[in-house]
């Protein structure tokens, strides 16, 4: 079929168009889901934990399956996995439009996350086969810009759809764009696979997925039960055991899912630090800020979308500027500078009251987005530059897994930290169970449900008190995120020093013998 298609529908740039369309859907689904969560809660009810899983389930399914999907792309075929993942994503989107309960939405979001992993792994590996090394950096920079576009306009577009057509319209939009990407992919993409592929490392895949699931569940339960809960401690310990077993298995498998020898090379580690750093200085805000603006600040979904545009709009320009700056500066220096800018923006935002308006909130959000955009524009290209194109599935699988799994873990951890910071600011008259529940509700932006747990008061002082408690806790959290960004900048500066030898050694380490 590929050979008989018109030339206009074939070739690497049409493949890039298909993958970019799919890449637009994935962040749109992620950032738009955060905007939709309060509306879904108003329509279907549900606890703060179950509403949190609307995003957590997607990120868990996405992150835990990306590495295995990268290996499957090399073995089964990049086009086949891309189309299978995209088809499943669209079918789950249709089911989400028909869902009638929170648990149905949570399960379908997990399925969408697994499908998104297959889509991204198959699509990015296919791109590496289509473009020559000289063009690959440009193609992946455009892919990164597409992700930024989805993140930038996802909240605003979803907010407008919710206000005019209800929360189900957001899922309809993602499904429609996914179908368009699917049609272009069927027409433009040709099949490719790694002839050296020898099957999936199933024990490693299952242990890795179990480790991420246990860790994420432990973080989510920590927000509800506290860090000292026996269940939370057991889940976190079980995740450590699963990680140790995963490392033991990967060291003994002939062709592991994760080549641990890569972590001997500083530049490879430095590349993996970049997506982790941007998780804490940027991605978590894509979820927490809409919940704050809508649930705590009382803004509409559209207004919240406009605020979020200040954070995400720099992703349309700054990543391309970062690639341009590599003519004069190293990727390590550019990335470290961006993380330090984001840290400054986070500390600036910590000084802004929750109910602030105007430029007081816009300017620090612009600085955070601009700072995060510098490493964002470089890390995709750096990840594929370390390996030969025959092993692109594994390389993109590792990097994308670190990015998405890091986002899921960071989101769960930061939500738990925010709930923990809120607890000391709540009325001491509440019992411990009510304190933890109210803190979790506030962390998820459910001000009205948190108010219902307080003793009845004749005026609005209780609501103002909870807003103040949230504001103080959120400022504490922003300082923690700024510290993480600053430390990450120093680590990146040390690991991503210009030294071509490290990259060449890393490439040799994974080249098939």
Protein backbone atom coordinates (compact mmCIF):
# COMPACT_ATOMS: atom_id res chain seq x y z
CA UNK A 1 0.00 0.00 0.00
CA UNK A 2 2.85 2.39 0.91
CA UNK A 3 4.37 2.25 -2.58
CA UNK A 4 1.16 3.09 -4.46
CA UNK A 5 0.36 6.20 -2.42
CA UNK A 6 0.97 9.64 -3.96
CA UNK A 7 4.39 11.05 -3.18
CA UNK A 8 2.77 13.92 -1.25
CA UNK A 9 1.46 11.41 1.29
CA UNK A 10 4.78 9.65 1.79
CA UNK A 11 8.22 10.57 2.98
CA UNK A 12 9.78 11.56 6.30
CA UNK A 13 7.99 14.89 6.65
CA UNK A 14 4.56 13.28 6.43
CA UNK A 15 5.68 10.75 9.02
CA UNK A 16 6.76 13.68 11.17
CA UNK A 17 3.32 15.27 10.66
CA UNK A 18 1.60 12.11 11.88
CA UNK A 19 3.84 11.73 14.93
CA UNK A 20 3.52 15.43 15.77
CA UNK A 21 -0.28 15.22 15.60
CA UNK A 22 -0.15 12.31 18.02
CA UNK A 23 2.35 14.21 20.16
CA UNK A 24 -0.09 17.13 20.26
CA UNK A 25 -2.82 14.89 21.64
CA UNK A 26 -0.77 13.45 24.51
CA UNK A 27 0.05 16.70 26.38
CA UNK A 28 -3.39 18.04 25.48
CA UNK A 29 -4.89 15.04 27.25
CA UNK A 30 -2.57 15.51 30.23
CA UNK A 31 -2.89 19.27 30.79
CA UNK A 32 -6.54 19.39 29.73
CA UNK A 33 -7.37 16.60 32.18
CA UNK A 34 -6.23 18.80 35.08
CA UNK A 35 -8.59 21.58 33.98
CA UNK A 36 -11.45 19.09 33.61
CA UNK A 37 -11.01 17.46 37.04
CA UNK A 38 -13.07 20.00 39.05
CA UNK A 39 -15.92 19.84 36.49
CA UNK A 40 -15.87 16.04 36.55
CA UNK A 41 -15.99 16.15 40.35
CA UNK A 42 -19.01 18.47 40.29
CA UNK A 43 -20.80 16.23 37.80
CA UNK A 44 -19.96 12.76 39.15
CA UNK A 45 -18.81 13.35 42.72
CA UNK A 46 -15.96 11.29 44.13
CA UNK A 47 -13.29 11.66 46.79
CA UNK A 48 -10.14 13.72 46.42
CA UNK A 49 -8.15 10.51 45.92
CA UNK A 50 -10.40 9.21 43.13
CA UNK A 51 -10.34 12.59 41.39
CA UNK A 52 -6.55 12.67 41.66
CA UNK A 53 -6.36 9.36 39.82
CA UNK A 54 -7.85 11.02 36.71
CA UNK A 55 -4.34 12.36 36.13
CA UNK A 56 -2.31 9.83 38.15
CA UNK A 57 -3.77 6.81 36.34
CA UNK A 58 -2.87 8.28 32.95
CA UNK A 59 0.68 9.09 34.05
CA UNK A 60 1.17 5.70 35.71
CA UNK A 61 0.04 3.76 32.64
CA UNK A 62 2.10 6.04 30.40
CA UNK A 63 5.33 5.95 32.40
CA UNK A 64 5.34 2.30 33.42
CA UNK A 65 4.90 0.98 29.87
CA UNK A 66 7.12 3.31 27.85
CA UNK A 67 10.34 1.33 28.24
CA UNK A 68 8.67 -1.95 27.33
CA UNK A 69 6.94 -0.21 24.42
CA UNK A 70 10.31 0.95 23.11
CA UNK A 71 11.57 -2.63 23.06
CA UNK A 72 8.36 -3.85 21.43
CA UNK A 73 8.66 -1.17 18.74
CA UNK A 74 12.07 -2.55 17.76
CA UNK A 75 10.77 -6.13 17.71
CA UNK A 76 7.20 -5.98 16.38
CA UNK A 77 7.55 -2.95 14.13
CA UNK A 78 7.43 0.77 14.80
CA UNK A 79 4.46 1.49 12.55
CA UNK A 80 2.43 -1.41 13.91
CA UNK A 81 2.90 -0.34 17.52
CA UNK A 82 2.24 3.32 16.71
CA UNK A 83 -1.06 2.54 14.99
CA UNK A 84 -2.13 0.04 17.67
CA UNK A 85 -1.45 2.54 20.44
CA UNK A 86 -3.22 5.37 18.66
CA UNK A 87 -6.27 3.21 17.86
CA UNK A 88 -6.55 2.12 21.49
CA UNK A 89 -6.18 5.72 22.68
CA UNK A 90 -9.07 6.82 20.45
CA UNK A 91 -11.32 3.91 21.49
CA UNK A 92 -10.68 4.73 25.15
CA UNK A 93 -11.51 8.36 24.37
CA UNK A 94 -14.90 7.36 22.99
CA UNK A 95 -15.54 5.28 26.13
CA UNK A 96 -14.58 8.26 28.32
CA UNK A 97 -17.25 10.36 26.64
CA UNK A 98 -19.79 7.73 27.71
CA UNK A 99 -18.47 7.14 31.25
CA UNK A 100 -20.92 7.49 34.11
CA UNK A 101 -18.69 7.14 37.20
CA UNK A 102 -15.30 8.22 38.48
CA UNK A 103 -13.93 4.67 38.68
CA UNK A 104 -14.77 4.13 35.00
CA UNK A 105 -12.91 7.33 34.11
CA UNK A 106 -9.90 6.31 36.21
CA UNK A 107 -9.64 2.88 34.54
CA UNK A 108 -10.05 4.32 31.06
CA UNK A 109 -7.43 6.97 31.77
CA UNK A 110 -5.01 4.20 32.77
CA UNK A 111 -5.76 2.45 29.47
CA UNK A 112 -5.16 5.71 27.62
CA UNK A 113 -1.81 6.00 29.38
CA UNK A 114 -0.74 2.53 28.19
CA UNK A 115 -1.90 3.38 24.66
CA UNK A 116 -0.04 6.70 24.79
CA UNK A 117 3.15 4.80 25.69
CA UNK A 118 2.81 2.59 22.62
CA UNK A 119 2.03 5.60 20.43
CA UNK A 120 4.98 7.68 21.58
CA UNK A 121 7.50 4.82 21.56
CA UNK A 122 6.49 3.62 18.10
CA UNK A 123 6.27 7.12 16.66
CA UNK A 124 9.59 8.46 17.94
CA UNK A 125 11.44 5.28 16.94
CA UNK A 126 9.94 5.54 13.46
CA UNK A 127 11.13 9.14 13.20
CA UNK A 128 14.70 8.07 13.95
CA UNK A 129 14.56 5.70 10.96
CA UNK A 130 13.17 8.29 8.56
CA UNK A 131 15.64 11.12 9.09
CA UNK A 132 19.35 11.26 8.49
CA UNK A 133 21.49 12.16 11.53
CA UNK A 134 21.92 15.70 10.22
CA UNK A 135 18.13 16.22 10.15
CA UNK A 136 17.21 14.20 13.24
CA UNK A 137 17.86 17.01 15.72
CA UNK A 138 15.59 19.34 13.72
CA UNK A 139 12.82 16.74 13.55
CA UNK A 140 12.95 16.07 17.28
CA UNK A 141 13.07 19.79 18.04
CA UNK A 142 9.82 20.18 16.10
CA UNK A 143 8.42 17.26 18.06
CA UNK A 144 9.35 19.00 21.30
CA UNK A 145 7.72 22.21 20.07
CA UNK A 146 4.56 20.25 19.34
CA UNK A 147 4.53 18.95 22.90
CA UNK A 148 4.89 22.54 24.06
CA UNK A 149 1.96 23.61 21.90
CA UNK A 150 -0.26 20.95 23.46
CA UNK A 151 0.80 22.01 26.94
CA UNK A 152 0.33 25.69 26.14
CA UNK A 153 -3.13 25.58 24.63
CA UNK A 154 -4.50 22.45 26.31
CA UNK A 155 -5.80 24.19 29.46
CA UNK A 156 -7.29 27.14 27.57
CA UNK A 157 -8.97 25.03 24.88
CA UNK A 158 -10.25 22.49 27.40
CA UNK A 159 -11.56 25.27 29.63
CA UNK A 160 -13.46 26.83 26.74
CA UNK A 161 -14.94 23.47 25.76
CA UNK A 162 -15.99 22.71 29.34
CA UNK A 163 -17.68 26.08 29.70
CA UNK A 164 -19.60 25.73 26.42
CA UNK A 165 -20.11 21.98 25.95
CA UNK A 166 -19.27 20.18 29.21
CA UNK A 167 -16.28 18.14 30.38
CA UNK A 168 -16.87 15.31 27.88
CA UNK A 169 -16.03 17.68 25.01
CA UNK A 170 -12.36 17.70 26.06
CA UNK A 171 -12.12 13.95 25.53
CA UNK A 172 -13.92 14.34 22.20
CA UNK A 173 -11.30 16.84 21.01
CA UNK A 174 -8.39 14.51 21.85
CA UNK A 175 -10.16 11.61 20.17
CA UNK A 176 -10.76 13.58 16.97
CA UNK A 177 -7.13 14.71 16.74
CA UNK A 178 -6.00 11.17 17.45
CA UNK A 179 -8.09 9.83 14.59
CA UNK A 180 -6.55 12.39 12.23
CA UNK A 181 -3.03 11.35 13.30
CA UNK A 182 -4.02 7.72 12.79
CA UNK A 183 -5.18 8.30 9.21
CA UNK A 184 -2.02 10.21 8.31
CA UNK A 185 0.13 7.50 9.90
CA UNK A 186 -1.60 4.71 7.98
CA UNK A 187 -0.91 6.53 4.73
CA UNK A 188 2.58 7.90 5.33
CA UNK A 189 4.48 5.56 7.63
CA UNK A 190 6.45 2.54 6.45
CA UNK A 191 7.23 -0.45 8.62
CA UNK A 192 10.65 -0.84 10.24
CA UNK A 193 12.11 -2.95 13.03
CA UNK A 194 15.43 -3.91 14.59
CA UNK A 195 16.70 -7.13 12.95
CA UNK A 196 18.73 -7.86 16.10
CA UNK A 197 15.67 -7.76 18.41
CA UNK A 198 15.34 -10.98 20.41
CA UNK A 199 12.10 -10.59 22.32
CA UNK A 200 10.85 -8.54 25.25
CA UNK A 201 12.41 -8.84 28.68
CA UNK A 202 9.12 -9.75 30.37
CA UNK A 203 10.48 -10.21 33.95
CA UNK A 204 12.14 -6.80 33.73
CA UNK A 205 9.02 -5.18 32.29
CA UNK A 206 6.77 -6.61 35.00
CA UNK A 207 9.14 -5.67 37.82
CA UNK A 208 9.58 -2.14 36.48
CA UNK A 209 5.83 -1.65 36.13
CA UNK A 210 5.26 -3.05 39.63
CA UNK A 211 7.90 -0.74 41.09
CA UNK A 212 6.32 2.36 39.54
CA UNK A 213 2.79 1.30 40.50
CA UNK A 214 3.75 0.65 44.14
CA UNK A 215 5.70 3.90 44.40
CA UNK A 216 2.92 6.01 42.86
CA UNK A 217 0.26 4.34 44.99
CA UNK A 218 2.38 4.92 48.09
CA UNK A 219 2.74 8.62 47.26
CA UNK A 220 -0.99 9.00 46.62
CA UNK A 221 -1.89 7.25 49.88
CA UNK A 222 0.63 9.40 51.76
CA UNK A 223 -1.48 12.44 50.89
CA UNK A 224 -4.57 10.73 52.33
CA UNK A 225 -3.12 8.79 55.30
CA UNK A 226 0.13 10.56 56.14
CA UNK A 227 3.74 9.46 55.69
CA UNK A 228 3.71 7.47 58.94
CA UNK A 229 0.85 5.19 57.86
CA UNK A 230 1.84 1.47 57.92
CA UNK A 231 0.21 1.04 54.49
CA UNK A 232 2.25 3.89 52.99
CA UNK A 233 5.49 2.55 54.49
CA UNK A 234 4.72 -0.96 53.22
CA UNK A 235 4.00 0.29 49.70
CA UNK A 236 7.19 2.34 49.56
CA UNK A 237 9.30 -0.53 50.90
CA UNK A 238 7.71 -2.91 48.37
CA UNK A 239 8.61 -0.48 45.57
CA UNK A 240 12.26 -0.51 46.76
CA UNK A 241 12.26 -4.32 46.74
CA UNK A 242 10.80 -4.35 43.22
CA UNK A 243 13.52 -1.90 42.09
CA UNK A 244 16.30 -4.06 43.54
CA UNK A 245 14.84 -7.16 41.88
CA UNK A 246 14.58 -5.25 38.59
CA UNK A 247 18.26 -4.27 38.76
CA UNK A 248 19.25 -7.87 39.58
CA UNK A 249 17.24 -9.22 36.62
CA UNK A 250 18.55 -6.63 34.17
CA UNK A 251 22.17 -7.44 35.08
CA UNK A 252 21.65 -11.10 34.17
CA UNK A 253 19.48 -10.90 31.04
CA UNK A 254 21.33 -11.31 27.73
CA UNK A 255 19.40 -8.45 26.08
CA UNK A 256 17.89 -6.36 28.89
CA UNK A 257 15.08 -3.87 28.56
CA UNK A 258 17.34 -1.32 30.28
CA UNK A 259 21.07 -1.44 29.60
CA UNK A 260 22.39 -0.51 33.06
CA UNK A 261 25.94 -0.06 31.73
CA UNK A 262 24.81 3.24 30.20
CA UNK A 263 24.69 4.77 33.66
CA UNK A 264 28.49 4.59 33.86
CA UNK A 265 28.67 7.57 31.51
CA UNK A 266 28.18 11.06 32.96
CA UNK A 267 26.61 12.58 29.85
CA UNK A 268 23.97 9.85 29.65
CA UNK A 269 23.04 10.45 33.30
CA UNK A 270 22.97 14.19 32.67
CA UNK A 271 20.46 13.78 29.86
CA UNK A 272 18.17 11.79 32.18
CA UNK A 273 18.38 14.50 34.86
CA UNK A 274 16.87 17.08 32.51
CA UNK A 275 13.32 15.64 32.28
CA UNK A 276 13.32 14.92 36.02
CA UNK A 277 14.24 18.54 36.74
CA UNK A 278 11.55 19.94 34.45
CA UNK A 279 8.99 17.71 36.18
CA UNK A 280 9.45 19.58 39.44
CA UNK A 281 9.90 23.12 38.14
CA UNK A 282 7.25 23.00 35.40
CA UNK A 283 5.12 19.89 34.80
CA UNK A 284 3.66 19.60 38.31
CA UNK A 285 2.44 23.20 38.04
CA UNK A 286 0.41 22.23 34.96
CA UNK A 287 -1.76 20.15 37.30
CA UNK A 288 -1.57 22.01 40.60
CA UNK A 289 -2.21 25.53 39.28
CA UNK A 290 -5.54 24.78 37.52
CA UNK A 291 -6.77 23.05 40.68
CA UNK A 292 -5.71 26.10 42.71
CA UNK A 293 -7.15 28.67 40.33
CA UNK A 294 -10.52 26.96 39.92
CA UNK A 295 -11.01 25.32 43.32
CA UNK A 296 -9.28 27.78 45.66
CA UNK A 297 -9.29 31.05 43.72
CA UNK A 298 -12.78 30.63 42.28
CA UNK A 299 -11.83 31.35 38.65
CA UNK A 300 -13.74 29.81 35.77
CA UNK A 301 -12.16 27.11 33.61
CA UNK A 302 -11.59 29.61 30.78
CA UNK A 303 -9.96 32.14 33.12
CA UNK A 304 -7.74 29.41 34.54
CA UNK A 305 -6.79 28.46 31.00
CA UNK A 306 -5.68 32.02 30.29
CA UNK A 307 -3.53 32.05 33.42
CA UNK A 308 -1.97 28.73 32.42
CA UNK A 309 -1.13 30.19 29.01
CA UNK A 310 1.36 32.48 30.76
CA UNK A 311 3.16 29.40 32.06
CA UNK A 312 3.05 27.32 28.89
CA UNK A 313 3.22 29.86 26.03
CA UNK A 314 7.04 30.14 26.27
CA UNK A 315 7.20 26.50 25.16
CA UNK A 316 6.19 27.66 21.68
CA UNK A 317 9.33 29.78 21.26
CA UNK A 318 11.99 29.04 23.86
CA UNK A 319 12.80 25.43 22.81
CA UNK A 320 13.63 26.65 19.30
CA UNK A 321 15.70 29.46 20.77
CA UNK A 322 17.59 26.90 22.87
CA UNK A 323 18.57 24.97 19.73
CA UNK A 324 19.73 28.23 18.15
CA UNK A 325 21.85 29.09 21.22
CA UNK A 326 23.83 25.84 20.86
CA UNK A 327 25.86 27.62 18.16
CA UNK A 328 27.63 29.53 20.92
CA UNK A 329 26.97 27.67 24.20
CA UNK A 330 27.00 24.03 25.26
CA UNK A 331 23.77 22.18 25.95
CA UNK A 332 24.80 21.78 29.59
CA UNK A 333 25.26 25.51 30.14
CA UNK A 334 21.99 26.38 28.38
CA UNK A 335 20.04 23.77 30.34
CA UNK A 336 21.53 24.76 33.69
CA UNK A 337 20.79 28.43 33.03
CA UNK A 338 17.19 27.56 32.21
CA UNK A 339 16.74 25.59 35.43
CA UNK A 340 18.16 28.47 37.47
CA UNK A 341 15.73 30.87 35.75
CA UNK A 342 12.86 28.53 36.60
CA UNK A 343 14.03 28.36 40.22
CA UNK A 344 13.99 32.17 40.36
CA UNK A 345 10.47 32.21 38.94
CA UNK A 346 9.30 29.68 41.54
CA UNK A 347 10.67 31.80 44.40
CA UNK A 348 9.03 34.86 42.86
CA UNK A 349 5.69 33.05 42.57
CA UNK A 350 5.97 32.05 46.25
CA UNK A 351 5.64 35.74 47.15
CA UNK A 352 2.37 36.11 45.20
CA UNK A 353 -0.88 35.67 47.21
CA UNK A 354 -3.33 33.00 46.07
CA UNK A 355 -5.95 35.63 45.20
CA UNK A 356 -3.52 37.89 43.29
CA UNK A 357 -4.46 39.18 39.86
CA UNK A 358 -2.79 40.86 36.90
CA UNK A 359 0.95 40.94 36.28
CA UNK A 360 1.73 39.86 39.84
CA UNK A 361 1.05 36.29 38.77
CA UNK A 362 1.77 36.49 35.02
CA UNK A 363 5.42 37.58 35.22
CA UNK A 364 6.71 34.78 37.47
CA UNK A 365 4.76 32.22 35.42
CA UNK A 366 6.39 33.53 32.24
CA UNK A 367 9.82 33.26 33.86
CA UNK A 368 9.19 29.68 34.99
CA UNK A 369 7.95 28.64 31.55
CA UNK A 370 10.85 30.35 29.80
CA UNK A 371 13.42 28.76 32.09
CA UNK A 372 11.97 25.27 31.71
CA UNK A 373 11.77 25.75 27.93
CA UNK A 374 15.57 25.91 27.55
CA UNK A 375 16.33 22.29 28.58
CA UNK A 376 12.99 21.21 27.08
CA UNK A 377 14.17 22.18 23.60
CA UNK A 378 17.43 20.22 23.87
CA UNK A 379 16.78 17.02 25.78
CA UNK A 380 14.91 15.08 23.07
CA UNK A 381 17.70 15.58 20.56
CA UNK A 382 20.36 14.78 23.17
CA UNK A 383 18.64 11.51 24.06
CA UNK A 384 18.73 10.10 20.52
CA UNK A 385 22.24 11.41 19.77
CA UNK A 386 23.71 8.87 22.18
CA UNK A 387 22.74 5.75 20.26
CA UNK A 388 22.79 4.30 16.73
CA UNK A 389 19.46 4.47 14.97
CA UNK A 390 19.02 0.67 15.04
CA UNK A 391 18.57 0.89 18.81
CA UNK A 392 16.43 4.02 18.71
CA UNK A 393 13.47 2.20 20.25
CA UNK A 394 15.43 1.38 23.38
CA UNK A 395 16.98 4.86 23.59
CA UNK A 396 13.72 6.74 23.23
CA UNK A 397 12.05 4.23 25.53
CA UNK A 398 14.58 4.89 28.31
CA UNK A 399 14.47 8.66 27.96
CA UNK A 400 10.69 8.86 27.58
CA UNK A 401 10.25 6.51 30.54
CA UNK A 402 12.42 8.71 32.74
CA UNK A 403 10.44 11.75 31.58
CA UNK A 404 6.90 10.38 31.96
CA UNK A 405 7.51 8.12 34.95
CA UNK A 406 9.26 11.05 36.59
CA UNK A 407 6.21 13.22 35.92
CA UNK A 408 3.87 10.70 37.53
CA UNK A 409 6.10 10.22 40.58
CA UNK A 410 6.72 13.97 40.89
CA UNK A 411 3.01 14.74 40.72
CA UNK A 412 2.14 12.18 43.39
CA UNK A 413 5.03 13.30 45.61
CA UNK A 414 4.32 17.01 45.27
CA UNK A 415 0.61 16.53 45.98
CA UNK A 416 1.49 14.56 49.12
CA UNK A 417 3.96 17.28 50.18
CA UNK A 418 1.37 20.00 49.63
CA UNK A 419 -1.18 18.14 51.77
CA UNK A 420 1.48 17.68 54.45
CA UNK A 421 2.34 21.40 54.40
CA UNK A 422 -1.36 22.33 54.66
CA UNK A 423 -2.06 20.16 57.74
CA UNK A 424 -0.24 22.33 60.38
CA UNK A 425 -2.14 25.44 59.18
CA UNK A 426 -5.60 23.90 59.74
CA UNK A 427 -7.66 24.39 62.95
CA UNK A 428 -6.16 22.34 65.79
CA UNK A 429 -9.66 21.43 67.04
CA UNK A 430 -10.08 18.89 64.23
CA UNK A 431 -9.21 15.26 64.87
CA UNK A 432 -6.28 13.75 62.94
CA UNK A 433 -8.46 11.92 60.41
CA UNK A 434 -10.41 15.11 59.61
CA UNK A 435 -7.17 17.10 59.39
CA UNK A 436 -5.68 14.72 56.84
CA UNK A 437 -8.90 14.56 54.83
CA UNK A 438 -9.29 18.34 54.78
CA UNK A 439 -5.63 18.79 53.79
CA UNK A 440 -6.04 16.31 50.93
CA UNK A 441 -9.21 18.03 49.75
CA UNK A 442 -7.47 21.41 49.73
CA UNK A 443 -4.44 20.00 47.91
CA UNK A 444 -6.81 18.86 45.16
CA UNK A 445 -8.52 22.28 45.06
CA UNK A 446 -11.72 21.05 46.74
CA UNK A 447 -12.31 24.04 49.02
CA UNK A 448 -16.03 23.38 49.50
CA UNK A 449 -15.49 19.78 50.59
CA UNK A 450 -12.76 20.87 53.00
CA UNK A 451 -15.11 23.51 54.45
CA UNK A 452 -17.72 20.82 55.12
CA UNK A 453 -15.29 19.16 57.55
CA UNK A 454 -14.93 22.31 59.69
CA UNK A 455 -17.30 23.30 62.52
CA UNK A 456 -20.13 25.51 61.25
CA UNK A 457 -19.37 29.25 61.42
CA UNK A 458 -21.78 32.12 60.79
CA UNK A 459 -19.47 34.12 58.50
CA UNK A 460 -16.98 33.56 55.72
CA UNK A 461 -13.97 33.46 58.06
CA UNK A 462 -13.61 29.68 57.71
CA UNK A 463 -13.28 29.88 53.94
CA UNK A 464 -10.76 32.73 54.18
CA UNK A 465 -8.83 30.76 56.78
CA UNK A 466 -8.59 27.74 54.48
CA UNK A 467 -7.48 29.95 51.60
CA UNK A 468 -4.75 31.40 53.82
CA UNK A 469 -3.68 27.92 54.94
CA UNK A 470 -3.45 26.79 51.33
CA UNK A 471 -1.49 29.90 50.32
CA UNK A 472 1.09 29.43 53.07
CA UNK A 473 1.52 25.74 52.22
CA UNK A 474 1.77 26.41 48.49
CA UNK A 475 4.50 28.98 49.08
CA UNK A 476 6.44 26.40 51.13
CA UNK A 477 6.07 23.91 48.30
CA UNK A 478 7.35 26.41 45.72
CA UNK A 479 10.51 26.95 47.77
CA UNK A 480 11.09 23.18 47.81
CA UNK A 481 10.59 23.01 44.03
CA UNK A 482 13.01 25.94 43.57
CA UNK A 483 15.62 24.09 45.63
CA UNK A 484 15.19 20.97 43.49
CA UNK A 485 15.61 23.02 40.30
CA UNK A 486 18.74 24.70 41.66
CA UNK A 487 20.39 21.42 42.68
CA UNK A 488 19.44 19.92 39.31
CA UNK A 489 21.09 22.84 37.52
CA UNK A 490 24.35 22.22 39.36
CA UNK A 491 24.20 18.49 38.60
CA UNK A 492 23.52 19.12 34.91
CA UNK A 493 26.35 21.64 34.75
CA UNK A 494 28.74 19.01 36.04
CA UNK A 495 27.52 16.06 33.97
CA UNK A 496 26.83 17.69 30.60
CA UNK A 497 30.23 19.21 30.10
CA UNK A 498 31.34 19.29 26.45
CA UNK A 499 33.17 15.97 26.06
CA UNK A 500 32.47 13.97 22.93
CA UNK A 501 34.30 10.94 24.32
CA UNK A 502 31.52 10.15 26.77
CA UNK A 503 28.89 10.12 24.04
CA UNK A 504 31.03 7.91 21.81
CA UNK A 505 31.68 5.48 24.64
CA UNK A 506 27.98 5.33 25.48
CA UNK A 507 27.18 4.58 21.85
CA UNK A 508 29.71 1.79 21.74
CA UNK A 509 28.32 0.30 24.91
CA UNK A 510 24.94 -0.45 23.35
CA UNK A 511 25.95 -1.22 19.78
CA UNK A 512 25.04 -4.85 18.93
CA UNK A 513 28.08 -7.06 18.85
